[in-house]
Amino acid sequence: QSTPKKRHSRSPKDETLQQVAEVELLHKQSAGAKSVDA
């Protein structure tokens, strides 16, 4: 069985920073995909 990883509790500020980082990463990936398509 795969052992589930424990999640460390984060403060609301950490959660917000994580979400911002994920959005920026998705934006960069989609921009890269568009330039490849063009």
All heavy atoms as atom14 arrays in JSON, in Angstrom:
{
  "sequence": "QSTPKKRHSRSPKDETLQQVAEVELLHKQSAGAKSVDA",
  "atom14_mask": [
    [1, 1, 1, 1, 1, 1, 1, 1, 1, 0, 0, 0, 0, 0],
    [1, 1, 1, 1, 1, 1, 0, 0, 0, 0, 0, 0, 0, 0],
    [1, 1, 1, 1, 1, 1, 1, 0, 0, 0, 0, 0, 0, 0],
    [1, 1, 1, 1, 1, 1, 1, 0, 0, 0, 0, 0, 0, 0],
    [1, 1, 1, 1, 1, 1, 1, 1, 1, 0, 0, 0, 0, 0],
    [1, 1, 1, 1, 1, 1, 1, 1, 1, 0, 0, 0, 0, 0],
    [1, 1, 1, 1, 1, 1, 1, 1, 1, 1, 1, 0, 0, 0],
    [1, 1, 1, 1, 1, 1, 1, 1, 1, 1, 0, 0, 0, 0],
    [1, 1, 1, 1, 1, 1, 0, 0, 0, 0, 0, 0, 0, 0],
    [1, 1, 1, 1, 1, 1, 1, 1, 1, 1, 1, 0, 0, 0],
    [1, 1, 1, 1, 1, 1, 0, 0, 0, 0, 0, 0, 0, 0],
    [1, 1, 1, 1, 1, 1, 1, 0, 0, 0, 0, 0, 0, 0],
    [1, 1, 1, 1, 1, 1, 1, 1, 1, 0, 0, 0, 0, 0],
    [1, 1, 1, 1, 1, 1, 1, 1, 0, 0, 0, 0, 0, 0],
    [1, 1, 1, 1, 1, 1, 1, 1, 1, 0, 0, 0, 0, 0],
    [1, 1, 1, 1, 1, 1, 1, 0, 0, 0, 0, 0, 0, 0],
    [1, 1, 1, 1, 1, 1, 1, 1, 0, 0, 0, 0, 0, 0],
    [1, 1, 1, 1, 1, 1, 1, 1, 1, 0, 0, 0, 0, 0],
    [1, 1, 1, 1, 1, 1, 1, 1, 1, 0, 0, 0, 0, 0],
    [1, 1, 1, 1, 1, 1, 1, 0, 0, 0, 0, 0, 0, 0],
    [1, 1, 1, 1, 1, 0, 0, 0, 0, 0, 0, 0, 0, 0],
    [1, 1, 1, 1, 1, 1, 1, 1, 1, 0, 0, 0, 0, 0],
    [1, 1, 1, 1, 1, 1, 1, 0, 0, 0, 0, 0, 0, 0],
    [1, 1, 1, 1, 1, 1, 1, 1, 1, 0, 0, 0, 0, 0],
    [1, 1, 1, 1, 1, 1, 1, 1, 0, 0, 0, 0, 0, 0],
    [1, 1, 1, 1, 1, 1, 1, 1, 0, 0, 0, 0, 0, 0],
    [1, 1, 1, 1, 1, 1, 1, 1, 1, 1, 0, 0, 0, 0],
    [1, 1, 1, 1, 1, 1, 1, 1, 1, 0, 0, 0, 0, 0],
    [1, 1, 1, 1, 1, 1, 1, 1, 1, 0, 0, 0, 0, 0],
    [1, 1, 1, 1, 1, 1, 0, 0, 0, 0, 0, 0, 0, 0],
    [1, 1, 1, 1, 1, 0, 0, 0, 0, 0, 0, 0, 0, 0],
    [1, 1, 1, 1, 0, 0, 0, 0, 0, 0, 0, 0, 0, 0],
    [1, 1, 1, 1, 1, 0, 0, 0, 0, 0, 0, 0, 0, 0],
    [1, 1, 1, 1, 1, 1, 1, 1, 1, 0, 0, 0, 0, 0],
    [1, 1, 1, 1, 1, 1, 0, 0, 0, 0, 0, 0, 0, 0],
    [1, 1, 1, 1, 1, 1, 1, 0, 0, 0, 0, 0, 0, 0],
    [1, 1, 1, 1, 1, 1, 1, 1, 0, 0, 0, 0, 0, 0],
    [1, 1, 1, 1, 1, 0, 0, 0, 0, 0, 0, 0, 0, 0]
  ],
  "atom14_positions": [
    [[0.85, -1.19, 0.0], [0.0, 0.0, 0.0], [0.89, 1.24, 0.0], [1.9, 1.28, 0.68], [-0.89, 0.03, 1.26], [-1.81, -1.15, 1.37], [-2.92, -1.11, 0.33], [-3.35, -0.05, -0.1], [-3.37, -2.27, -0.08], [0.0, 0.0, 0.0], [0.0, 0.0, 0.0], [0.0, 0.0, 0.0], [0.0, 0.0, 0.0], [0.0, 0.0, 0.0]],
    [[0.48, 2.22, -0.77], [1.25, 3.46, -0.73], [0.9, 4.17, 0.57], [-0.26, 4.24, 0.96], [0.91, 4.34, -1.93], [-0.46, 4.64, -1.93], [0.0, 0.0, 0.0], [0.0, 0.0, 0.0], [0.0, 0.0, 0.0], [0.0, 0.0, 0.0], [0.0, 0.0, 0.0], [0.0, 0.0, 0.0], [0.0, 0.0, 0.0], [0.0, 0.0, 0.0]],
    [[1.9, 4.66, 1.23], [1.7, 5.33, 2.5], [1.3, 6.77, 2.23], [2.01, 7.5, 1.54], [3.0, 5.32, 3.33], [3.46, 3.98, 3.41], [2.78, 5.9, 4.7], [0.0, 0.0, 0.0], [0.0, 0.0, 0.0], [0.0, 0.0, 0.0], [0.0, 0.0, 0.0], [0.0, 0.0, 0.0], [0.0, 0.0, 0.0], [0.0, 0.0, 0.0]],
    [[0.14, 7.18, 2.73], [-0.25, 8.57, 2.5], [0.71, 9.52, 3.2], [1.14, 9.26, 4.31], [-1.66, 8.66, 3.09], [-1.82, 7.47, 3.96], [-0.81, 6.45, 3.52], [0.0, 0.0, 0.0], [0.0, 0.0, 0.0], [0.0, 0.0, 0.0], [0.0, 0.0, 0.0], [0.0, 0.0, 0.0], [0.0, 0.0, 0.0], [0.0, 0.0, 0.0]],
    [[1.03, 10.6, 2.51], [1.93, 11.59, 3.1], [1.15, 12.49, 4.04], [0.02, 12.89, 3.74], [2.57, 12.43, 1.99], [3.49, 11.62, 1.11], [4.08, 12.5, 0.04], [4.98, 11.69, -0.86], [5.53, 12.46, -1.96], [0.0, 0.0, 0.0], [0.0, 0.0, 0.0], [0.0, 0.0, 0.0], [0.0, 0.0, 0.0], [0.0, 0.0, 0.0]],
    [[1.77, 12.81, 5.16], [1.13, 13.73, 6.1], [1.23, 15.14, 5.56], [2.26, 15.55, 5.06], [1.83, 13.66, 7.46], [1.52, 12.43, 8.24], [2.1, 12.55, 9.63], [1.7, 11.39, 10.49], [2.26, 11.5, 11.83], [0.0, 0.0, 0.0], [0.0, 0.0, 0.0], [0.0, 0.0, 0.0], [0.0, 0.0, 0.0], [0.0, 0.0, 0.0]],
    [[0.13, 15.84, 5.67], [0.14, 17.25, 5.28], [0.45, 18.08, 6.51], [-0.11, 17.87, 7.56], [-1.22, 17.67, 4.73], [-1.48, 17.12, 3.35], [-2.68, 17.77, 2.77], [-2.38, 19.18, 2.48], [-3.22, 20.0, 1.92], [-4.43, 19.6, 1.6], [-2.89, 21.25, 1.69], [0.0, 0.0, 0.0], [0.0, 0.0, 0.0], [0.0, 0.0, 0.0]],
    [[1.35, 18.99, 6.33], [1.66, 19.89, 7.43], [0.62, 21.01, 7.41], [0.23, 21.49, 6.35], [3.07, 20.48, 7.26], [4.13, 19.44, 7.28], [4.4, 18.69, 8.38], [4.98, 19.01, 6.31], [5.38, 17.85, 8.12], [5.74, 18.02, 6.86], [0.0, 0.0, 0.0], [0.0, 0.0, 0.0], [0.0, 0.0, 0.0], [0.0, 0.0, 0.0]],
    [[0.2, 21.39, 8.57], [-0.78, 22.47, 8.61], [-0.08, 23.77, 8.22], [1.06, 24.02, 8.58], [-1.4, 22.58, 10.0], [-0.4, 22.82, 10.96], [0.0, 0.0, 0.0], [0.0, 0.0, 0.0], [0.0, 0.0, 0.0], [0.0, 0.0, 0.0], [0.0, 0.0, 0.0], [0.0, 0.0, 0.0], [0.0, 0.0, 0.0], [0.0, 0.0, 0.0]],
    [[-0.78, 24.55, 7.45], [-0.22, 25.82, 6.98], [-1.05, 26.96, 7.52], [-2.24, 26.83, 7.76], [-0.28, 25.88, 5.45], [0.52, 24.83, 4.76], [0.37, 25.04, 3.28], [1.06, 24.01, 2.53], [0.94, 23.85, 1.24], [0.17, 24.64, 0.54], [1.61, 22.91, 0.63], [0.0, 0.0, 0.0], [0.0, 0.0, 0.0], [0.0, 0.0, 0.0]],
    [[-0.4, 28.07, 7.63], [-1.13, 29.27, 8.03], [-1.89, 29.77, 6.8], [-1.55, 29.45, 5.67], [-0.15, 30.34, 8.52], [0.62, 30.82, 7.43], [0.0, 0.0, 0.0], [0.0, 0.0, 0.0], [0.0, 0.0, 0.0], [0.0, 0.0, 0.0], [0.0, 0.0, 0.0], [0.0, 0.0, 0.0], [0.0, 0.0, 0.0], [0.0, 0.0, 0.0]],
    [[-2.93, 30.59, 6.99], [-3.67, 31.14, 5.85], [-2.75, 31.9, 4.88], [-2.95, 31.86, 3.68], [-4.7, 32.07, 6.49], [-4.88, 31.54, 7.89], [-3.55, 30.94, 8.26], [0.0, 0.0, 0.0], [0.0, 0.0, 0.0], [0.0, 0.0, 0.0], [0.0, 0.0, 0.0], [0.0, 0.0, 0.0], [0.0, 0.0, 0.0], [0.0, 0.0, 0.0]],
    [[-1.72, 32.57, 5.44], [-0.79, 33.31, 4.58], [-0.04, 32.33, 3.67], [0.12, 32.57, 2.48], [0.18, 34.11, 5.43], [1.17, 34.92, 4.63], [2.13, 35.67, 5.53], [3.16, 36.41, 4.7], [4.15, 37.08, 5.52], [0.0, 0.0, 0.0], [0.0, 0.0, 0.0], [0.0, 0.0, 0.0], [0.0, 0.0, 0.0], [0.0, 0.0, 0.0]],
    [[0.42, 31.19, 4.23], [1.13, 30.18, 3.43], [0.23, 29.63, 2.33], [0.67, 29.4, 1.21], [1.62, 29.04, 4.31], [2.77, 29.46, 5.22], [3.4, 30.49, 4.93], [3.03, 28.74, 6.21], [0.0, 0.0, 0.0], [0.0, 0.0, 0.0], [0.0, 0.0, 0.0], [0.0, 0.0, 0.0], [0.0, 0.0, 0.0], [0.0, 0.0, 0.0]],
    [[-1.05, 29.39, 2.67], [-2.0, 28.87, 1.69], [-2.15, 29.86, 0.53], [-2.16, 29.47, -0.63], [-3.38, 28.63, 2.33], [-3.45, 27.4, 3.2], [-3.36, 26.11, 2.39], [-3.8, 26.09, 1.22], [-2.85, 25.13, 2.94], [0.0, 0.0, 0.0], [0.0, 0.0, 0.0], [0.0, 0.0, 0.0], [0.0, 0.0, 0.0], [0.0, 0.0, 0.0]],
    [[-2.26, 31.15, 0.85], [-2.41, 32.18, -0.18], [-1.18, 32.23, -1.06], [-1.29, 32.29, -2.3], [-2.66, 33.56, 0.47], [-3.81, 33.47, 1.31], [-2.88, 34.63, -0.59], [0.0, 0.0, 0.0], [0.0, 0.0, 0.0], [0.0, 0.0, 0.0], [0.0, 0.0, 0.0], [0.0, 0.0, 0.0], [0.0, 0.0, 0.0], [0.0, 0.0, 0.0]],
    [[0.0, 32.2, -0.47], [1.25, 32.21, -1.25], [1.33, 30.98, -2.15], [1.75, 31.08, -3.31], [2.46, 32.29, -0.32], [2.66, 33.6, 0.42], [3.81, 33.48, 1.42], [2.93, 34.73, -0.56], [0.0, 0.0, 0.0], [0.0, 0.0, 0.0], [0.0, 0.0, 0.0], [0.0, 0.0, 0.0], [0.0, 0.0, 0.0], [0.0, 0.0, 0.0]],
    [[0.91, 29.84, -1.65], [0.94, 28.62, -2.45], [-0.01, 28.74, -3.64], [0.33, 28.37, -4.75], [0.55, 27.4, -1.58], [0.48, 26.08, -2.33], [1.83, 25.61, -2.83], [2.85, 25.91, -2.23], [1.83, 24.89, -3.92], [0.0, 0.0, 0.0], [0.0, 0.0, 0.0], [0.0, 0.0, 0.0], [0.0, 0.0, 0.0], [0.0, 0.0, 0.0]],
    [[-1.21, 29.27, -3.41], [-2.18, 29.42, -4.49], [-1.67, 30.4, -5.54], [-1.82, 30.18, -6.73], [-3.52, 29.89, -3.92], [-4.23, 28.82, -3.13], [-5.45, 29.35, -2.39], [-5.7, 30.55, -2.39], [-6.18, 28.43, -1.77], [0.0, 0.0, 0.0], [0.0, 0.0, 0.0], [0.0, 0.0, 0.0], [0.0, 0.0, 0.0], [0.0, 0.0, 0.0]],
    [[-1.04, 31.5, -5.11], [-0.48, 32.48, -6.04], [0.6, 31.82, -6.89], [0.65, 32.0, -8.11], [0.07, 33.71, -5.28], [0.91, 34.59, -6.19], [-1.08, 34.5, -4.68], [0.0, 0.0, 0.0], [0.0, 0.0, 0.0], [0.0, 0.0, 0.0], [0.0, 0.0, 0.0], [0.0, 0.0, 0.0], [0.0, 0.0, 0.0], [0.0, 0.0, 0.0]],
    [[1.46, 31.03, -6.26], [2.54, 30.35, -6.98], [1.96, 29.38, -8.01], [2.45, 29.29, -9.14], [3.46, 29.62, -6.01], [0.0, 0.0, 0.0], [0.0, 0.0, 0.0], [0.0, 0.0, 0.0], [0.0, 0.0, 0.0], [0.0, 0.0, 0.0], [0.0, 0.0, 0.0], [0.0, 0.0, 0.0], [0.0, 0.0, 0.0], [0.0, 0.0, 0.0]],
    [[0.9, 28.67, -7.65], [0.28, 27.72, -8.59], [-0.35, 28.45, -9.77], [-0.22, 28.0, -10.91], [-0.76, 26.87, -7.85], [-0.14, 25.85, -6.9], [-1.18, 25.14, -6.03], [-2.39, 25.42, -6.17], [-0.76, 24.31, -5.22], [0.0, 0.0, 0.0], [0.0, 0.0, 0.0], [0.0, 0.0, 0.0], [0.0, 0.0, 0.0], [0.0, 0.0, 0.0]],
    [[-0.99, 29.56, -9.51], [-1.61, 30.35, -10.58], [-0.53, 30.87, -11.52], [-0.67, 30.8, -12.74], [-2.46, 31.51, -10.0], [-2.87, 32.49, -11.09], [-3.68, 30.94, -9.3], [0.0, 0.0, 0.0], [0.0, 0.0, 0.0], [0.0, 0.0, 0.0], [0.0, 0.0, 0.0], [0.0, 0.0, 0.0], [0.0, 0.0, 0.0], [0.0, 0.0, 0.0]],
    [[0.58, 31.38, -10.97], [1.67, 31.9, -11.8], [2.26, 30.77, -12.66], [2.55, 30.97, -13.83], [2.76, 32.53, -10.92], [2.35, 33.87, -10.34], [3.4, 34.44, -9.39], [4.39, 33.76, -9.1], [3.19, 35.58, -8.94], [0.0, 0.0, 0.0], [0.0, 0.0, 0.0], [0.0, 0.0, 0.0], [0.0, 0.0, 0.0], [0.0, 0.0, 0.0]],
    [[2.41, 29.6, -12.08], [2.96, 28.47, -12.81], [2.02, 28.08, -13.96], [2.46, 27.88, -15.08], [3.18, 27.27, -11.88], [3.73, 26.0, -12.53], [5.12, 26.26, -13.11], [3.78, 24.87, -11.53], [0.0, 0.0, 0.0], [0.0, 0.0, 0.0], [0.0, 0.0, 0.0], [0.0, 0.0, 0.0], [0.0, 0.0, 0.0], [0.0, 0.0, 0.0]],
    [[0.73, 28.0, -13.69], [-0.24, 27.67, -14.73], [-0.22, 28.72, -15.84], [-0.3, 28.39, -17.02], [-1.65, 27.55, -14.14], [-1.92, 26.32, -13.29], [-3.28, 26.42, -12.62], [-1.86, 25.07, -14.15], [0.0, 0.0, 0.0], [0.0, 0.0, 0.0], [0.0, 0.0, 0.0], [0.0, 0.0, 0.0], [0.0, 0.0, 0.0], [0.0, 0.0, 0.0]],
    [[-0.1, 29.99, -15.46], [-0.06, 31.08, -16.45], [1.17, 30.93, -17.35], [1.08, 31.04, -18.56], [-0.07, 32.45, -15.75], [-0.03, 33.59, -16.7], [-1.11, 33.9, -17.51], [0.95, 34.49, -16.99], [-0.78, 34.94, -18.26], [0.46, 35.32, -17.96], [0.0, 0.0, 0.0], [0.0, 0.0, 0.0], [0.0, 0.0, 0.0], [0.0, 0.0, 0.0]],
    [[2.33, 30.64, -16.74], [3.56, 30.46, -17.52], [3.43, 29.27, -18.46], [3.86, 29.33, -19.61], [4.75, 30.27, -16.59], [5.2, 31.53, -15.91], [6.38, 31.27, -14.99], [6.77, 32.52, -14.24], [7.86, 32.26, -13.28], [0.0, 0.0, 0.0], [0.0, 0.0, 0.0], [0.0, 0.0, 0.0], [0.0, 0.0, 0.0], [0.0, 0.0, 0.0]],
    [[2.84, 28.17, -17.97], [2.69, 26.98, -18.8], [1.76, 27.24, -19.98], [2.03, 26.83, -21.09], [2.16, 25.81, -17.96], [3.19, 25.25, -17.01], [2.62, 24.17, -16.09], [1.41, 24.05, -15.94], [3.51, 23.42, -15.48], [0.0, 0.0, 0.0], [0.0, 0.0, 0.0], [0.0, 0.0, 0.0], [0.0, 0.0, 0.0], [0.0, 0.0, 0.0]],
    [[0.66, 27.94, -19.72], [-0.29, 28.21, -20.81], [0.32, 29.2, -21.81], [0.1, 29.08, -23.01], [-1.62, 28.72, -20.28], [-1.47, 29.98, -19.65], [0.0, 0.0, 0.0], [0.0, 0.0, 0.0], [0.0, 0.0, 0.0], [0.0, 0.0, 0.0], [0.0, 0.0, 0.0], [0.0, 0.0, 0.0], [0.0, 0.0, 0.0], [0.0, 0.0, 0.0]],
    [[1.11, 30.16, -21.35], [1.78, 31.09, -22.25], [2.78, 30.35, -23.11], [2.9, 30.59, -24.3], [2.46, 32.2, -21.45], [0.0, 0.0, 0.0], [0.0, 0.0, 0.0], [0.0, 0.0, 0.0], [0.0, 0.0, 0.0], [0.0, 0.0, 0.0], [0.0, 0.0, 0.0], [0.0, 0.0, 0.0], [0.0, 0.0, 0.0], [0.0, 0.0, 0.0]],
    [[3.48, 29.41, -22.53], [4.45, 28.61, -23.27], [3.75, 27.74, -24.3], [4.22, 27.58, -25.42], [0.0, 0.0, 0.0], [0.0, 0.0, 0.0], [0.0, 0.0, 0.0], [0.0, 0.0, 0.0], [0.0, 0.0, 0.0], [0.0, 0.0, 0.0], [0.0, 0.0, 0.0], [0.0, 0.0, 0.0], [0.0, 0.0, 0.0], [0.0, 0.0, 0.0]],
    [[2.6, 27.2, -23.95], [1.85, 26.35, -24.87], [1.35, 27.17, -26.04], [1.36, 26.7, -27.18], [0.68, 25.69, -24.14], [0.0, 0.0, 0.0], [0.0, 0.0, 0.0], [0.0, 0.0, 0.0], [0.0, 0.0, 0.0], [0.0, 0.0, 0.0], [0.0, 0.0, 0.0], [0.0, 0.0, 0.0], [0.0, 0.0, 0.0], [0.0, 0.0, 0.0]],
    [[0.93, 28.41, -25.78], [0.44, 29.26, -26.87], [1.57, 29.6, -27.82], [1.38, 29.62, -29.03], [-0.18, 30.55, -26.31], [-1.51, 30.31, -25.61], [-2.02, 31.61, -25.03], [-3.25, 31.34, -24.16], [-3.7, 32.52, -23.45], [0.0, 0.0, 0.0], [0.0, 0.0, 0.0], [0.0, 0.0, 0.0], [0.0, 0.0, 0.0], [0.0, 0.0, 0.0]],
    [[2.76, 29.89, -27.3], [3.86, 30.25, -28.17], [4.29, 29.05, -29.02], [4.69, 29.2, -30.15], [5.03, 30.8, -27.38], [5.55, 29.82, -26.53], [0.0, 0.0, 0.0], [0.0, 0.0, 0.0], [0.0, 0.0, 0.0], [0.0, 0.0, 0.0], [0.0, 0.0, 0.0], [0.0, 0.0, 0.0], [0.0, 0.0, 0.0], [0.0, 0.0, 0.0]],
    [[4.15, 27.84, -28.47], [4.49, 26.65, -29.24], [3.48, 26.46, -30.35], [3.82, 26.13, -31.47], [4.52, 25.4, -28.3], [4.63, 24.13, -29.11], [5.67, 25.5, -27.33], [0.0, 0.0, 0.0], [0.0, 0.0, 0.0], [0.0, 0.0, 0.0], [0.0, 0.0, 0.0], [0.0, 0.0, 0.0], [0.0, 0.0, 0.0], [0.0, 0.0, 0.0]],
    [[2.19, 26.72, -30.04], [1.14, 26.56, -31.06], [1.32, 27.57, -32.2], [1.03, 27.26, -33.34], [-0.25, 26.77, -30.44], [-0.62, 25.65, -29.48], [-0.01, 24.56, -29.59], [-1.51, 25.83, -28.63], [0.0, 0.0, 0.0], [0.0, 0.0, 0.0], [0.0, 0.0, 0.0], [0.0, 0.0, 0.0], [0.0, 0.0, 0.0], [0.0, 0.0, 0.0]],
    [[1.79, 28.75, -31.88], [1.91, 29.8, -32.89], [3.05, 29.56, -33.85], [3.04, 30.04, -34.96], [2.11, 31.16, -32.19], [0.0, 0.0, 0.0], [0.0, 0.0, 0.0], [0.0, 0.0, 0.0], [0.0, 0.0, 0.0], [0.0, 0.0, 0.0], [0.0, 0.0, 0.0], [0.0, 0.0, 0.0], [0.0, 0.0, 0.0], [0.0, 0.0, 0.0]]
  ]
}
